[in-house]
Amino acid sequence: MLTDIHPKLPMRDKAKTRSFYINQLGFKEFGSADFDGYLMVEKDSIQIHFFEFKDLNPKENYGQVYIRTSDIDGLYRVFKEKDVECSPLEHKPWMQREFSTLDPDNNLLTFGQNVF
């Protein structure tokens, strides 16, 4: 039976990726070992893993993750307070309230909450 999913996204620079996710988005580093070319971050019950891809062209990166939240307005407010560049928070026709941001390698992170 499936229990969790931990997406793996490409990164060019581990220090920049770590800084963005920890300092801007409020994640913390996960795990006790500093693996060469690999990074794991978590926030609440969400984990995202990253693998080093030094030759990645961000303009050709189509990495995407959709993350559900129970407080989309609060999360959006926190990101804006930390000067995270985000799309506008919108109600979507598929009954989600959501916004998106790009990380330093152009991985698209979309955050959404059900609207009933």
Protein backbone atom coordinates (compact mmCIF):
# COMPACT_ATOMS: atom_id res chain seq x y z
CA MET A 1 0.00 0.00 0.00
CA LEU A 2 1.31 3.45 -0.90
CA THR A 3 1.90 5.83 2.02
CA ASP A 4 4.01 8.82 0.92
CA ILE A 5 5.64 10.48 -2.04
CA HIS A 6 8.90 12.41 -1.98
CA PRO A 7 9.56 14.09 -5.32
CA LYS A 8 13.14 14.35 -6.56
CA LEU A 9 13.98 17.53 -8.43
CA PRO A 10 17.17 18.63 -10.19
CA MET A 11 19.44 21.32 -8.73
CA ARG A 12 22.57 22.97 -10.06
CA ASP A 13 23.91 24.44 -6.83
CA LYS A 14 23.18 22.75 -3.51
CA ALA A 15 23.97 25.85 -1.42
CA LYS A 16 21.57 28.04 -3.44
CA THR A 17 18.83 25.41 -3.35
CA ARG A 18 19.28 24.88 0.39
CA SER A 19 19.19 28.62 1.04
CA PHE A 20 16.04 29.18 -1.04
CA TYR A 21 14.06 26.36 0.55
CA ILE A 22 15.22 27.02 4.12
CA ASN A 23 15.49 30.83 4.23
CA GLN A 24 12.73 31.76 1.79
CA LEU A 25 10.16 28.95 2.01
CA GLY A 26 10.67 27.89 5.63
CA PHE A 27 11.71 24.28 5.06
CA LYS A 28 14.40 22.62 7.17
CA GLU A 29 17.09 20.22 6.11
CA PHE A 30 16.12 16.58 6.61
CA GLY A 31 18.46 13.77 7.52
CA SER A 32 21.64 13.65 9.54
CA ALA A 33 24.15 13.19 6.73
CA ASP A 34 25.36 15.76 4.23
CA PHE A 35 25.26 13.67 1.07
CA ASP A 36 27.43 14.81 -1.81
CA GLY A 37 25.21 16.06 -4.63
CA TYR A 38 21.97 15.32 -2.80
CA LEU A 39 19.70 17.40 -0.57
CA MET A 40 16.53 16.61 1.39
CA VAL A 41 14.27 19.27 2.89
CA GLU A 42 10.98 19.05 4.77
CA LYS A 43 8.20 21.26 6.04
CA ASP A 44 5.34 19.84 8.09
CA SER A 45 4.71 16.44 6.45
CA ILE A 46 6.18 17.38 3.04
CA GLN A 47 9.63 16.24 1.89
CA ILE A 48 11.34 17.27 -1.31
CA HIS A 49 14.59 15.66 -2.43
CA PHE A 50 17.09 17.17 -4.87
CA PHE A 51 19.80 15.60 -6.99
CA GLU A 52 22.76 17.47 -8.42
CA PHE A 53 22.52 18.21 -12.14
CA LYS A 54 25.25 20.77 -12.82
CA ASP A 55 24.53 20.93 -16.58
CA LEU A 56 20.83 21.69 -16.08
CA ASN A 57 19.56 24.50 -18.27
CA PRO A 58 16.85 26.15 -16.12
CA LYS A 59 15.01 27.30 -19.26
CA GLU A 60 14.62 23.63 -20.23
CA ASN A 61 13.66 22.33 -16.79
CA TYR A 62 10.08 21.13 -16.47
CA GLY A 63 10.26 19.84 -12.87
CA GLN A 64 6.95 20.45 -11.11
CA VAL A 65 5.41 19.63 -7.74
CA TYR A 66 1.86 20.31 -6.54
CA ILE A 67 1.68 20.72 -2.76
CA ARG A 68 -1.63 20.82 -0.92
CA THR A 69 -2.04 23.00 2.15
CA SER A 70 -4.73 23.62 4.74
CA ASP A 71 -3.95 27.37 4.95
CA ILE A 72 -3.29 28.78 1.50
CA ASP A 73 -3.87 32.39 2.58
CA GLY A 74 -1.43 32.14 5.49
CA LEU A 75 1.21 30.42 3.38
CA TYR A 76 0.88 33.02 0.62
CA ARG A 77 1.16 35.84 3.16
CA VAL A 78 4.34 34.34 4.69
CA PHE A 79 5.95 33.88 1.28
CA LYS A 80 5.13 37.47 0.28
CA GLU A 81 6.56 38.75 3.60
CA LYS A 82 9.79 36.91 2.76
CA ASP A 83 9.82 38.46 -0.74
CA VAL A 84 9.28 35.14 -2.50
CA GLU A 85 8.22 35.89 -6.07
CA CYS A 86 4.84 34.19 -6.52
CA SER A 87 2.00 34.16 -8.99
CA PRO A 88 -1.22 35.78 -7.75
CA LEU A 89 -3.34 33.73 -5.35
CA GLU A 90 -6.37 32.69 -7.41
CA HIS A 91 -9.50 30.57 -7.37
CA LYS A 92 -9.17 28.02 -10.18
CA PRO A 93 -12.03 26.35 -12.13
CA TRP A 94 -10.92 22.96 -10.75
CA MET A 95 -12.04 24.04 -7.24
CA GLN A 96 -8.60 24.94 -5.93
CA ARG A 97 -7.26 28.18 -4.52
CA GLU A 98 -3.60 28.24 -5.53
CA PHE A 99 -0.40 30.09 -6.36
CA SER A 100 2.99 29.10 -7.75
CA THR A 101 6.64 29.99 -7.44
CA LEU A 102 9.84 28.94 -9.19
CA ASP A 103 12.94 27.81 -7.33
CA PRO A 104 16.47 28.82 -8.44
CA ASP A 105 16.50 26.00 -11.04
CA ASN A 106 13.04 26.73 -12.46
CA ASN A 107 11.33 23.85 -10.68
CA LEU A 108 7.67 24.91 -10.47
CA LEU A 109 6.10 24.65 -7.01
CA THR A 110 2.34 25.07 -6.97
CA PHE A 111 0.56 25.32 -3.62
CA GLY A 112 -3.17 24.66 -3.47
CA GLN A 113 -6.13 24.26 -1.14
CA ASN A 114 -9.53 22.72 -1.91
CA VAL A 115 -12.39 25.19 -2.22
CA PHE A 116 -15.83 23.79 -1.51
